[in-house]
Every structure is written in C-alpha cells, then in structure tokens.
Amino acid sequence: SRLQALKIRLKVEDVELKIIAPKGTLTPELVNDIKTRKEEFITLLSSSDPIPKTKIKQYYALTSSQRRLWALSQFDEGNSAYNITQAFKCKGALDLENLSEAFKRLIKRHEILRTVFMEDGNGILSQCIIPNNSHTTTIDYLCLDEASSLQDHLDDIQKHTFDLERGPLFKIDVIKVSDDTHILLLNMHHII
C-alpha cells in the first residue's frame, strides 16, 4: 500500500524484479526495504499471471466435470444436490439499490455468471454466454415475518431447481430480520 501511494510499480522480467517509480520517490530506505523483500515480491508477482482471454464464440466446450454435472442434474433430485448455498448476516442499514448495482457489475464482469448449457447447432452440449444486455437477475427481498421461518426459507433455497438451459444459475435473496439486520443468501449451481 505504501508503494501504491507513491505510484511505485514492481514487475518481474526474466526472473528479475524491476522497479518503475516516479522521479524522486525512491529513497535509500525504500530501496533497501524492496531489496530485503525481493524474493517475496518475485514469488508473488510471478504467480499472478493474468488468465488469457479466449476468442469470443457463440458456444464453448464443456469441461469433463461440467459434462458429468449436467448428466447428474437430469435426474429428479440431481439438480438441487449440486447447489452451493451461502448465508451472510449483514448488520446496519442496507441499501438495496447499491447491493443490486454491485451484483449487476459482478455479473457483467464475470461471464460464468451469465453462462447456460444447451445444445449447439450440431446437437453437441455446450456452454453459451448470455450477452450482458440480455441477462436479468433480481434480488428477492423478504421480511422474516412474511416467511414462515428463516430455516424454512433456507431449506427452500437449498432445494431450488436451476434451469441449466435458461439460467440464471444463481439466486440472490435478502431477508430482513430487523431494520438493521439482514441475511444475504446466495445460491448457485456447482456447474458454474
């Protein structure tokens, strides 16, 4: 954070640590600190190579795990068996508009959250990414007194059946417990 504040960047080139800094920002003390932690910086920066972008296509091949989960989800109870559910207790005032906007940005950035699984034109099961402008996700908002009980609602969420061909393959619920306490429930199918 100190380096960021001074707009100093570090990068690894040919297994050597390179320092890029505005003129006059590198003090002898700072250079010594960087030298002391050189190996740590090299290890950290070498392990964070960006994931290369793939060519944009209409359909993408499934992984073997996705193919297996697809097959298992075709059975009656197979779909909900692979739900991943998380609950978070939020204290303080909750701004639903900001929460909704945060999820919209997350969904826009991460294509896997807009992915569905369907047959391509040749009958081959494939991943298909729904364009961001065609994707809709809503946050279901409930008050605890409207739900029979929190545990009943949690059980219902866990049993939710996702339509792998239409999506979305995740669900967002907010349960109001009191004016300053909410439960954020996230549920997604393991295939994504």
C-alpha atoms as a PDB file:
ATOM      1  CA  SER A   1       0.000   0.000   0.000  1.00  0.00           C
ATOM      2  CA  ARG A   2       2.934   2.328   0.658  1.00  0.00           C
ATOM      3  CA  LEU A   3       4.277   1.598  -2.826  1.00  0.00           C
ATOM      4  CA  GLN A   4       0.839   2.196  -4.341  1.00  0.00           C
ATOM      5  CA  ALA A   5       0.518   5.534  -2.557  1.00  0.00           C
ATOM      6  CA  LEU A   6       3.836   6.591  -4.095  1.00  0.00           C
ATOM      7  CA  LYS A   7       2.776   5.213  -7.522  1.00  0.00           C
ATOM      8  CA  ILE A   8       5.683   2.757  -7.494  1.00  0.00           C
ATOM      9  CA  ARG A   9       5.144  -0.411  -9.512  1.00  0.00           C
ATOM     10  CA  LEU A  10       7.063  -3.653  -9.363  1.00  0.00           C
ATOM     11  CA  LYS A  11       7.196  -6.246 -12.122  1.00  0.00           C
ATOM     12  CA  VAL A  12       9.165  -9.372 -12.926  1.00  0.00           C
ATOM     13  CA  GLU A  13      11.110  -9.601 -16.190  1.00  0.00           C
ATOM     14  CA  ASP A  14      13.374 -12.569 -16.895  1.00  0.00           C
ATOM     15  CA  VAL A  15      13.251 -13.590 -13.217  1.00  0.00           C
ATOM     16  CA  GLU A  16      14.461 -10.128 -12.166  1.00  0.00           C
ATOM     17  CA  LEU A  17      12.498  -7.613 -10.126  1.00  0.00           C
ATOM     18  CA  LYS A  18      12.065  -4.303 -11.947  1.00  0.00           C
ATOM     19  CA  ILE A  19      11.037  -1.102 -10.175  1.00  0.00           C
ATOM     20  CA  ILE A  20       9.059   1.571 -12.017  1.00  0.00           C
ATOM     21  CA  ALA A  21       8.805   4.757  -9.976  1.00  0.00           C
ATOM     22  CA  PRO A  22       8.154   8.451 -10.498  1.00  0.00           C
ATOM     23  CA  LYS A  23      11.282  10.564 -10.290  1.00  0.00           C
ATOM     24  CA  GLY A  24      12.318  11.376  -6.719  1.00  0.00           C
ATOM     25  CA  THR A  25      10.091   8.802  -4.962  1.00  0.00           C
ATOM     26  CA  LEU A  26      12.728   6.117  -4.334  1.00  0.00           C
ATOM     27  CA  THR A  27      14.535   6.865  -1.106  1.00  0.00           C
ATOM     28  CA  PRO A  28      17.513   4.753   0.030  1.00  0.00           C
ATOM     29  CA  GLU A  29      15.334   3.377   2.840  1.00  0.00           C
ATOM     30  CA  LEU A  30      12.602   2.328   0.399  1.00  0.00           C
ATOM     31  CA  VAL A  31      15.108   0.700  -1.979  1.00  0.00           C
ATOM     32  CA  ASN A  32      16.543  -1.245   0.972  1.00  0.00           C
ATOM     33  CA  ASP A  33      13.038  -2.389   2.028  1.00  0.00           C
ATOM     34  CA  ILE A  34      12.333  -3.617  -1.507  1.00  0.00           C
ATOM     35  CA  LYS A  35      15.696  -5.423  -1.700  1.00  0.00           C
ATOM     36  CA  THR A  36      15.027  -7.113   1.650  1.00  0.00           C
ATOM     37  CA  ARG A  37      11.706  -8.470   0.358  1.00  0.00           C
ATOM     38  CA  LYS A  38      12.890  -9.070  -3.237  1.00  0.00           C
ATOM     39  CA  GLU A  39      12.314 -12.849  -3.274  1.00  0.00           C
ATOM     40  CA  GLU A  40       8.859 -12.426  -1.720  1.00  0.00           C
ATOM     41  CA  PHE A  41       7.898  -9.867  -4.398  1.00  0.00           C
ATOM     42  CA  ILE A  42       9.223 -12.072  -7.214  1.00  0.00           C
ATOM     43  CA  THR A  43       7.253 -15.071  -5.947  1.00  0.00           C
ATOM     44  CA  LEU A  44       4.072 -13.024  -5.547  1.00  0.00           C
ATOM     45  CA  LEU A  45       4.301 -11.316  -8.925  1.00  0.00           C
ATOM     46  CA  SER A  46       5.307 -14.490 -10.776  1.00  0.00           C
ATOM     47  CA  SER A  47       2.265 -16.366  -9.512  1.00  0.00           C
ATOM     48  CA  SER A  48      -0.248 -13.760 -10.632  1.00  0.00           C
ATOM     49  CA  ASP A  49      -0.107 -14.051 -14.407  1.00  0.00           C
ATOM     50  CA  PRO A  50      -3.437 -12.994 -15.910  1.00  0.00           C
ATOM     51  CA  ILE A  51      -5.709 -15.627 -17.376  1.00  0.00           C
ATOM     52  CA  PRO A  52      -5.604 -15.218 -21.140  1.00  0.00           C
ATOM     53  CA  LYS A  53      -8.869 -14.208 -22.814  1.00  0.00           C
ATOM     54  CA  THR A  54     -10.375 -16.775 -25.116  1.00  0.00           C
ATOM     55  CA  LYS A  55     -11.715 -15.995 -28.560  1.00  0.00           C
ATOM     56  CA  ILE A  56     -15.346 -14.858 -28.471  1.00  0.00           C
ATOM     57  CA  LYS A  57     -17.615 -17.606 -29.797  1.00  0.00           C
ATOM     58  CA  GLN A  58     -21.293 -18.465 -29.643  1.00  0.00           C
ATOM     59  CA  TYR A  59     -20.636 -21.824 -27.930  1.00  0.00           C
ATOM     60  CA  TYR A  60     -17.809 -23.185 -25.770  1.00  0.00           C
ATOM     61  CA  ALA A  61     -16.832 -26.756 -24.963  1.00  0.00           C
ATOM     62  CA  LEU A  62     -17.758 -28.189 -21.559  1.00  0.00           C
ATOM     63  CA  THR A  63     -15.165 -29.456 -19.129  1.00  0.00           C
ATOM     64  CA  SER A  64     -15.438 -33.109 -18.151  1.00  0.00           C
ATOM     65  CA  SER A  65     -16.729 -32.018 -14.721  1.00  0.00           C
ATOM     66  CA  GLN A  66     -19.438 -29.858 -16.290  1.00  0.00           C
ATOM     67  CA  ARG A  67     -20.479 -32.720 -18.569  1.00  0.00           C
ATOM     68  CA  ARG A  68     -20.765 -35.028 -15.540  1.00  0.00           C
ATOM     69  CA  LEU A  69     -22.767 -32.447 -13.528  1.00  0.00           C
ATOM     70  CA  TRP A  70     -25.076 -31.882 -16.490  1.00  0.00           C
ATOM     71  CA  ALA A  71     -25.816 -35.608 -16.725  1.00  0.00           C
ATOM     72  CA  LEU A  72     -26.425 -35.916 -12.977  1.00  0.00           C
ATOM     73  CA  SER A  73     -28.682 -32.851 -12.955  1.00  0.00           C
ATOM     74  CA  GLN A  74     -31.031 -34.504 -15.424  1.00  0.00           C
ATOM     75  CA  PHE A  75     -32.319 -36.837 -12.710  1.00  0.00           C
ATOM     76  CA  ASP A  76     -35.155 -35.751 -10.381  1.00  0.00           C
ATOM     77  CA  GLU A  77     -33.142 -34.732  -7.324  1.00  0.00           C
ATOM     78  CA  GLY A  78     -29.846 -34.330  -9.160  1.00  0.00           C
ATOM     79  CA  ASN A  79     -30.192 -30.639  -9.841  1.00  0.00           C
ATOM     80  CA  SER A  80     -30.577 -29.356  -6.277  1.00  0.00           C
ATOM     81  CA  ALA A  81     -27.991 -31.818  -4.957  1.00  0.00           C
ATOM     82  CA  TYR A  82     -25.310 -29.622  -6.530  1.00  0.00           C
ATOM     83  CA  ASN A  83     -26.473 -26.285  -5.145  1.00  0.00           C
ATOM     84  CA  ILE A  84     -23.904 -24.245  -3.250  1.00  0.00           C
ATOM     85  CA  THR A  85     -25.585 -22.007  -0.702  1.00  0.00           C
ATOM     86  CA  GLN A  86     -24.025 -19.312   1.478  1.00  0.00           C
ATOM     87  CA  ALA A  87     -25.679 -17.051   4.046  1.00  0.00           C
ATOM     88  CA  PHE A  88     -24.215 -13.791   5.309  1.00  0.00           C
ATOM     89  CA  LYS A  89     -25.566 -11.765   8.222  1.00  0.00           C
ATOM     90  CA  CYS A  90     -25.430  -8.035   7.462  1.00  0.00           C
ATOM     91  CA  LYS A  91     -25.613  -5.535  10.325  1.00  0.00           C
ATOM     92  CA  GLY A  92     -26.542  -1.891   9.752  1.00  0.00           C
ATOM     93  CA  ALA A  93     -28.663  -0.155   7.154  1.00  0.00           C
ATOM     94  CA  LEU A  94     -28.854  -1.995   3.825  1.00  0.00           C
ATOM     95  CA  ASP A  95     -29.047  -0.040   0.591  1.00  0.00           C
ATOM     96  CA  LEU A  96     -30.789  -2.415  -1.825  1.00  0.00           C
ATOM     97  CA  GLU A  97     -30.088  -0.195  -4.836  1.00  0.00           C
ATOM     98  CA  ASN A  98     -26.345  -0.268  -4.189  1.00  0.00           C
ATOM     99  CA  LEU A  99     -26.432  -4.011  -3.499  1.00  0.00           C
ATOM    100  CA  SER A 100     -28.306  -4.588  -6.754  1.00  0.00           C
ATOM    101  CA  GLU A 101     -25.843  -2.394  -8.675  1.00  0.00           C
ATOM    102  CA  ALA A 102     -22.900  -4.288  -7.151  1.00  0.00           C
ATOM    103  CA  PHE A 103     -24.333  -7.614  -8.328  1.00  0.00           C
ATOM    104  CA  LYS A 104     -25.045  -6.185 -11.804  1.00  0.00           C
ATOM    105  CA  ARG A 105     -21.399  -5.134 -12.105  1.00  0.00           C
ATOM    106  CA  LEU A 106     -20.211  -8.509 -10.832  1.00  0.00           C
ATOM    107  CA  ILE A 107     -22.393 -10.314 -13.381  1.00  0.00           C
ATOM    108  CA  LYS A 108     -21.238  -8.022 -16.182  1.00  0.00           C
ATOM    109  CA  ARG A 109     -17.593  -8.674 -15.338  1.00  0.00           C
ATOM    110  CA  HIS A 110     -17.793 -12.458 -14.844  1.00  0.00           C
ATOM    111  CA  GLU A 111     -19.220 -14.257 -17.866  1.00  0.00           C
ATOM    112  CA  ILE A 112     -19.587 -17.526 -15.956  1.00  0.00           C
ATOM    113  CA  LEU A 113     -22.467 -15.891 -14.063  1.00  0.00           C
ATOM    114  CA  ARG A 114     -24.231 -15.437 -17.429  1.00  0.00           C
ATOM    115  CA  THR A 115     -23.465 -18.945 -18.676  1.00  0.00           C
ATOM    116  CA  VAL A 116     -26.109 -21.529 -19.571  1.00  0.00           C
ATOM    117  CA  PHE A 117     -25.777 -25.018 -21.022  1.00  0.00           C
ATOM    118  CA  MET A 118     -27.521 -26.057 -24.222  1.00  0.00           C
ATOM    119  CA  GLU A 119     -27.032 -27.965 -27.426  1.00  0.00           C
ATOM    120  CA  ASP A 120     -25.333 -26.105 -30.242  1.00  0.00           C
ATOM    121  CA  GLY A 121     -26.490 -26.299 -33.887  1.00  0.00           C
ATOM    122  CA  ASN A 122     -24.866 -29.751 -34.222  1.00  0.00           C
ATOM    123  CA  GLY A 123     -26.576 -31.225 -31.165  1.00  0.00           C
ATOM    124  CA  ILE A 124     -23.432 -31.004 -29.001  1.00  0.00           C
ATOM    125  CA  LEU A 125     -23.940 -29.902 -25.413  1.00  0.00           C
ATOM    126  CA  SER A 126     -22.074 -26.606 -24.946  1.00  0.00           C
ATOM    127  CA  GLN A 127     -21.680 -23.558 -22.740  1.00  0.00           C
ATOM    128  CA  CYS A 128     -23.353 -20.420 -24.020  1.00  0.00           C
ATOM    129  CA  ILE A 129     -22.755 -16.973 -22.544  1.00  0.00           C
ATOM    130  CA  ILE A 130     -25.816 -14.770 -22.415  1.00  0.00           C
ATOM    131  CA  PRO A 131     -24.952 -11.206 -23.534  1.00  0.00           C
ATOM    132  CA  ASN A 132     -24.901  -8.799 -20.611  1.00  0.00           C
ATOM    133  CA  ASN A 133     -27.704  -6.655 -22.070  1.00  0.00           C
ATOM    134  CA  SER A 134     -29.951  -9.750 -22.320  1.00  0.00           C
ATOM    135  CA  HIS A 135     -29.265 -11.067 -18.832  1.00  0.00           C
ATOM    136  CA  THR A 136     -31.596 -10.225 -15.968  1.00  0.00           C
ATOM    137  CA  THR A 137     -31.104 -11.042 -12.327  1.00  0.00           C
ATOM    138  CA  THR A 138     -33.299  -9.967  -9.494  1.00  0.00           C
ATOM    139  CA  ILE A 139     -32.744  -9.895  -5.783  1.00  0.00           C
ATOM    140  CA  ASP A 140     -35.690 -11.401  -3.940  1.00  0.00           C
ATOM    141  CA  TYR A 141     -36.435  -9.392  -0.809  1.00  0.00           C
ATOM    142  CA  LEU A 142     -38.433 -10.891   2.052  1.00  0.00           C
ATOM    143  CA  CYS A 143     -39.278  -9.800   5.565  1.00  0.00           C
ATOM    144  CA  LEU A 144     -38.847 -12.511   8.171  1.00  0.00           C
ATOM    145  CA  ASP A 145     -42.494 -12.226   9.226  1.00  0.00           C
ATOM    146  CA  GLU A 146     -43.520 -12.932   5.596  1.00  0.00           C
ATOM    147  CA  ALA A 147     -41.568 -16.184   5.550  1.00  0.00           C
ATOM    148  CA  SER A 148     -42.794 -18.967   7.789  1.00  0.00           C
ATOM    149  CA  SER A 149     -39.349 -19.155   9.354  1.00  0.00           C
ATOM    150  CA  LEU A 150     -35.779 -18.462   8.436  1.00  0.00           C
ATOM    151  CA  GLN A 151     -34.920 -22.171   8.482  1.00  0.00           C
ATOM    152  CA  ASP A 152     -37.857 -22.998   6.168  1.00  0.00           C
ATOM    153  CA  HIS A 153     -36.664 -20.373   3.713  1.00  0.00           C
ATOM    154  CA  LEU A 154     -33.070 -21.646   3.892  1.00  0.00           C
ATOM    155  CA  ASP A 155     -34.341 -25.156   3.161  1.00  0.00           C
ATOM    156  CA  ASP A 156     -36.361 -23.878   0.176  1.00  0.00           C
ATOM    157  CA  ILE A 157     -33.322 -22.053  -1.210  1.00  0.00           C
ATOM    158  CA  GLN A 158     -31.173 -25.179  -0.934  1.00  0.00           C
ATOM    159  CA  LYS A 159     -33.825 -27.205  -2.801  1.00  0.00           C
ATOM    160  CA  HIS A 160     -34.149 -24.647  -5.604  1.00  0.00           C
ATOM    161  CA  THR A 161     -34.016 -26.255  -9.052  1.00  0.00           C
ATOM    162  CA  PHE A 162     -31.981 -24.338 -11.596  1.00  0.00           C
ATOM    163  CA  ASP A 163     -32.837 -24.487 -15.297  1.00  0.00           C
ATOM    164  CA  LEU A 164     -29.390 -25.129 -16.759  1.00  0.00           C
ATOM    165  CA  GLU A 165     -30.588 -24.231 -20.269  1.00  0.00           C
ATOM    166  CA  ARG A 166     -32.185 -20.889 -19.428  1.00  0.00           C
ATOM    167  CA  GLY A 167     -30.427 -19.634 -16.312  1.00  0.00           C
ATOM    168  CA  PRO A 168     -29.597 -17.756 -14.309  1.00  0.00           C
ATOM    169  CA  LEU A 169     -27.662 -20.438 -12.464  1.00  0.00           C
ATOM    170  CA  PHE A 170     -27.545 -18.498  -9.221  1.00  0.00           C
ATOM    171  CA  LYS A 171     -30.123 -16.916  -6.925  1.00  0.00           C
ATOM    172  CA  ILE A 172     -29.855 -13.929  -4.590  1.00  0.00           C
ATOM    173  CA  ASP A 173     -32.206 -13.410  -1.644  1.00  0.00           C
ATOM    174  CA  VAL A 174     -32.203 -10.789   1.096  1.00  0.00           C
ATOM    175  CA  ILE A 175     -34.219 -11.499   4.223  1.00  0.00           C
ATOM    176  CA  LYS A 176     -34.980  -8.578   6.520  1.00  0.00           C
ATOM    177  CA  VAL A 177     -34.721  -9.742  10.121  1.00  0.00           C
ATOM    178  CA  SER A 178     -34.975  -6.217  11.591  1.00  0.00           C
ATOM    179  CA  ASP A 179     -34.378  -2.639  10.440  1.00  0.00           C
ATOM    180  CA  ASP A 180     -30.633  -3.050  10.854  1.00  0.00           C
ATOM    181  CA  THR A 181     -30.168  -6.800  10.313  1.00  0.00           C
ATOM    182  CA  HIS A 182     -30.471  -8.657   7.024  1.00  0.00           C
ATOM    183  CA  ILE A 183     -29.459 -12.087   5.788  1.00  0.00           C
ATOM    184  CA  LEU A 184     -27.947 -12.217   2.298  1.00  0.00           C
ATOM    185  CA  LEU A 185     -28.479 -15.661   0.760  1.00  0.00           C
ATOM    186  CA  LEU A 186     -26.526 -16.712  -2.300  1.00  0.00           C
ATOM    187  CA  ASN A 187     -27.264 -19.955  -4.081  1.00  0.00           C
ATOM    188  CA  MET A 188     -25.628 -21.186  -7.258  1.00  0.00           C
ATOM    189  CA  HIS A 189     -25.369 -24.412  -9.172  1.00  0.00           C
ATOM    190  CA  HIS A 190     -21.966 -26.066  -8.911  1.00  0.00           C
ATOM    191  CA  ILE A 191     -21.759 -26.407 -12.713  1.00  0.00           C
ATOM    192  CA  ILE A 192     -20.642 -22.768 -12.925  1.00  0.00           C
END
